[in-house]
């Protein structure tokens, strides 16, 4: 399995989560994590699992991630298994976050994410965080679950 993680990060929190996911996914195959750069196209050659992640800004994905999703070919994404995550503040007034918006955009492109979008949390409402205690470990657990679900779905397809 070859996993490619495309992320945006403003204060390093999302980057820490992306790296923790990449570290755990390497137990299942190749993995790389790159910061999104709308000016440079990304190749999905040989990629099986694409994971998208960014901080929540204004209850949405960052402009860089929105631009990336707006430019990527929906035809190319249909050949991939995808998942989304975000980093955000956990609050009772919080109605939405970046990952569900990214998942919804992927669905409009004809791509159904493998799992429900996941959020990882920062302390207080300070945008710069830090991450809440245990979030990096929770990201590694989420990554393992994602890989196991991917492998189960792939073996189901092979058995058909």
Foldseek 3Di string as FASTA:
>chain_A
DEEEEEEAEDQCQFVLLQVLLQVLCVVVPHYDYDYQDLVDDDDCVPHAEYEYEYEFDPLEHDPSVVSNLVPDQLVVCQNYAYAYEYEAADDPPRDHGHRVVVQVSNVVSVHHHLDRYYYFYFPDHPSNGHTDPPRSVVSSVVSVVSSVSSVVVVVVVVVD
